[in-house]
């Protein structure tokens, strides 16, 4: 049982390594209801691709995709609240509506 615990802990730590975002774009920070949301935007191309990470990662997870698509599309990769460089509010309800609300200013700001 002890070995199972250490095996699971090891794989969890490996899976939760923090990938670094693409170095081609400068991070942008925008505030939504007092929470800073950080995203990268290549600002080139007519069609935008928006990449949103899942649990235990950040916008750096999409680095290879950003590098692949950046010459043909505008690529936006977002750090959701609580992850990466975005704020991590303690009192927030980290549910689907909270994350959806966080995406609104990041995507509408990127559209300009």
C-alpha atoms as a PDB file:
ATOM      1  CA  UNK A   1       0.000   0.000   0.000  1.00  0.00           C
ATOM      2  CA  UNK A   2       2.871   2.371   0.834  1.00  0.00           C
ATOM      3  CA  UNK A   3       4.397   1.768  -2.606  1.00  0.00           C
ATOM      4  CA  UNK A   4       1.085   2.448  -4.310  1.00  0.00           C
ATOM      5  CA  UNK A   5       0.847   5.805  -2.560  1.00  0.00           C
ATOM      6  CA  UNK A   6       4.374   6.812  -3.624  1.00  0.00           C
ATOM      7  CA  UNK A   7       3.766   5.624  -7.173  1.00  0.00           C
ATOM      8  CA  UNK A   8       0.586   7.682  -7.459  1.00  0.00           C
ATOM      9  CA  UNK A   9       2.296  10.703  -5.873  1.00  0.00           C
ATOM     10  CA  UNK A  10       5.216  10.413  -8.288  1.00  0.00           C
ATOM     11  CA  UNK A  11       2.989  10.255 -11.379  1.00  0.00           C
ATOM     12  CA  UNK A  12       0.867  13.106 -10.093  1.00  0.00           C
ATOM     13  CA  UNK A  13       3.955  15.307  -9.661  1.00  0.00           C
ATOM     14  CA  UNK A  14       5.244  14.407 -13.118  1.00  0.00           C
ATOM     15  CA  UNK A  15       1.863  15.119 -14.703  1.00  0.00           C
ATOM     16  CA  UNK A  16       1.593  18.470 -12.938  1.00  0.00           C
ATOM     17  CA  UNK A  17       4.856  19.934 -14.148  1.00  0.00           C
ATOM     18  CA  UNK A  18       4.420  23.511 -15.279  1.00  0.00           C
ATOM     19  CA  UNK A  19       5.072  23.850 -19.002  1.00  0.00           C
ATOM     20  CA  UNK A  20       6.440  27.199 -20.122  1.00  0.00           C
ATOM     21  CA  UNK A  21       4.351  29.342 -22.488  1.00  0.00           C
ATOM     22  CA  UNK A  22       5.541  30.176 -25.968  1.00  0.00           C
ATOM     23  CA  UNK A  23       8.256  32.834 -25.957  1.00  0.00           C
ATOM     24  CA  UNK A  24       6.937  34.458 -29.155  1.00  0.00           C
ATOM     25  CA  UNK A  25       4.190  36.445 -27.461  1.00  0.00           C
ATOM     26  CA  UNK A  26       4.235  38.706 -24.456  1.00  0.00           C
ATOM     27  CA  UNK A  27       1.736  37.794 -21.720  1.00  0.00           C
ATOM     28  CA  UNK A  28      -1.254  40.102 -21.413  1.00  0.00           C
ATOM     29  CA  UNK A  29      -3.129  40.593 -18.155  1.00  0.00           C
ATOM     30  CA  UNK A  30      -6.748  41.698 -17.970  1.00  0.00           C
ATOM     31  CA  UNK A  31      -8.920  42.092 -14.886  1.00  0.00           C
ATOM     32  CA  UNK A  32     -12.316  40.448 -14.503  1.00  0.00           C
ATOM     33  CA  UNK A  33     -14.211  41.267 -11.312  1.00  0.00           C
ATOM     34  CA  UNK A  34     -10.920  41.939  -9.527  1.00  0.00           C
ATOM     35  CA  UNK A  35      -9.237  38.739 -10.761  1.00  0.00           C
ATOM     36  CA  UNK A  36      -6.318  39.145 -13.182  1.00  0.00           C
ATOM     37  CA  UNK A  37      -6.465  36.745 -16.119  1.00  0.00           C
ATOM     38  CA  UNK A  38      -3.216  36.218 -18.053  1.00  0.00           C
ATOM     39  CA  UNK A  39      -3.124  35.122 -21.684  1.00  0.00           C
ATOM     40  CA  UNK A  40      -0.786  35.046 -24.674  1.00  0.00           C
ATOM     41  CA  UNK A  41      -1.886  36.424 -28.029  1.00  0.00           C
ATOM     42  CA  UNK A  42       0.120  36.130 -31.245  1.00  0.00           C
ATOM     43  CA  UNK A  43      -1.989  39.001 -32.713  1.00  0.00           C
ATOM     44  CA  UNK A  44      -1.571  37.756 -36.286  1.00  0.00           C
ATOM     45  CA  UNK A  45      -4.078  36.174 -38.624  1.00  0.00           C
ATOM     46  CA  UNK A  46      -7.772  36.691 -39.374  1.00  0.00           C
ATOM     47  CA  UNK A  47      -9.048  33.534 -37.689  1.00  0.00           C
ATOM     48  CA  UNK A  48      -8.481  33.111 -33.967  1.00  0.00           C
ATOM     49  CA  UNK A  49      -7.797  29.840 -32.193  1.00  0.00           C
ATOM     50  CA  UNK A  50      -8.351  30.010 -28.428  1.00  0.00           C
ATOM     51  CA  UNK A  51      -6.655  27.349 -26.313  1.00  0.00           C
ATOM     52  CA  UNK A  52      -7.890  26.760 -22.770  1.00  0.00           C
ATOM     53  CA  UNK A  53      -6.061  24.310 -20.528  1.00  0.00           C
ATOM     54  CA  UNK A  54      -7.517  21.702 -18.207  1.00  0.00           C
ATOM     55  CA  UNK A  55      -6.844  20.891 -14.576  1.00  0.00           C
ATOM     56  CA  UNK A  56      -3.292  20.948 -13.218  1.00  0.00           C
ATOM     57  CA  UNK A  57      -1.671  22.725 -16.202  1.00  0.00           C
ATOM     58  CA  UNK A  58      -1.457  26.238 -17.650  1.00  0.00           C
ATOM     59  CA  UNK A  59      -1.304  28.065 -20.977  1.00  0.00           C
ATOM     60  CA  UNK A  60       2.223  26.720 -21.517  1.00  0.00           C
ATOM     61  CA  UNK A  61       0.671  23.316 -22.231  1.00  0.00           C
ATOM     62  CA  UNK A  62      -0.266  24.646 -25.681  1.00  0.00           C
ATOM     63  CA  UNK A  63       3.253  25.795 -26.643  1.00  0.00           C
ATOM     64  CA  UNK A  64       3.660  23.239 -29.461  1.00  0.00           C
ATOM     65  CA  UNK A  65       0.216  24.055 -30.861  1.00  0.00           C
ATOM     66  CA  UNK A  66       0.914  27.804 -30.666  1.00  0.00           C
ATOM     67  CA  UNK A  67       4.209  27.316 -32.511  1.00  0.00           C
ATOM     68  CA  UNK A  68       2.499  25.204 -35.177  1.00  0.00           C
ATOM     69  CA  UNK A  69      -0.500  27.484 -35.828  1.00  0.00           C
ATOM     70  CA  UNK A  70       0.968  30.967 -35.202  1.00  0.00           C
ATOM     71  CA  UNK A  71       1.953  31.594 -38.838  1.00  0.00           C
ATOM     72  CA  UNK A  72      -1.558  30.952 -40.186  1.00  0.00           C
ATOM     73  CA  UNK A  73      -3.874  31.922 -37.317  1.00  0.00           C
ATOM     74  CA  UNK A  74      -4.186  34.286 -34.420  1.00  0.00           C
ATOM     75  CA  UNK A  75      -3.547  32.084 -31.388  1.00  0.00           C
ATOM     76  CA  UNK A  76      -4.713  32.951 -27.869  1.00  0.00           C
ATOM     77  CA  UNK A  77      -3.796  30.710 -24.928  1.00  0.00           C
ATOM     78  CA  UNK A  78      -5.349  31.498 -21.549  1.00  0.00           C
ATOM     79  CA  UNK A  79      -4.381  30.826 -17.946  1.00  0.00           C
ATOM     80  CA  UNK A  80      -7.633  30.229 -16.101  1.00  0.00           C
ATOM     81  CA  UNK A  81      -7.931  31.719 -12.601  1.00  0.00           C
ATOM     82  CA  UNK A  82      -6.073  29.596 -10.100  1.00  0.00           C
ATOM     83  CA  UNK A  83      -3.540  28.395 -12.670  1.00  0.00           C
ATOM     84  CA  UNK A  84      -0.291  29.654 -14.167  1.00  0.00           C
ATOM     85  CA  UNK A  85       0.207  33.414 -13.946  1.00  0.00           C
ATOM     86  CA  UNK A  86      -3.457  34.305 -13.383  1.00  0.00           C
ATOM     87  CA  UNK A  87      -4.656  35.276  -9.923  1.00  0.00           C
ATOM     88  CA  UNK A  88      -5.558  32.560  -7.459  1.00  0.00           C
ATOM     89  CA  UNK A  89      -8.395  33.994  -5.354  1.00  0.00           C
ATOM     90  CA  UNK A  90      -8.918  32.019  -2.167  1.00  0.00           C
ATOM     91  CA  UNK A  91     -12.595  32.854  -1.681  1.00  0.00           C
ATOM     92  CA  UNK A  92     -13.652  32.069  -5.262  1.00  0.00           C
ATOM     93  CA  UNK A  93     -16.041  29.281  -6.170  1.00  0.00           C
ATOM     94  CA  UNK A  94     -13.962  27.356  -8.696  1.00  0.00           C
ATOM     95  CA  UNK A  95     -16.879  26.038 -10.723  1.00  0.00           C
ATOM     96  CA  UNK A  96     -17.771  26.018 -14.431  1.00  0.00           C
ATOM     97  CA  UNK A  97     -19.532  29.398 -14.329  1.00  0.00           C
ATOM     98  CA  UNK A  98     -16.532  31.009 -12.609  1.00  0.00           C
ATOM     99  CA  UNK A  99     -14.199  29.800 -15.355  1.00  0.00           C
ATOM    100  CA  UNK A 100     -16.686  30.747 -18.089  1.00  0.00           C
ATOM    101  CA  UNK A 101     -16.962  34.271 -16.668  1.00  0.00           C
ATOM    102  CA  UNK A 102     -13.166  34.496 -16.630  1.00  0.00           C
ATOM    103  CA  UNK A 103     -12.995  33.687 -20.343  1.00  0.00           C
ATOM    104  CA  UNK A 104     -15.292  36.534 -21.413  1.00  0.00           C
ATOM    105  CA  UNK A 105     -12.861  39.464 -21.000  1.00  0.00           C
ATOM    106  CA  UNK A 106      -9.897  37.426 -22.263  1.00  0.00           C
ATOM    107  CA  UNK A 107     -11.671  36.519 -25.488  1.00  0.00           C
ATOM    108  CA  UNK A 108     -13.422  39.853 -26.065  1.00  0.00           C
ATOM    109  CA  UNK A 109     -10.245  41.810 -25.320  1.00  0.00           C
ATOM    110  CA  UNK A 110      -8.342  39.588 -27.742  1.00  0.00           C
ATOM    111  CA  UNK A 111     -10.878  40.294 -30.475  1.00  0.00           C
ATOM    112  CA  UNK A 112      -9.819  43.928 -30.690  1.00  0.00           C
END
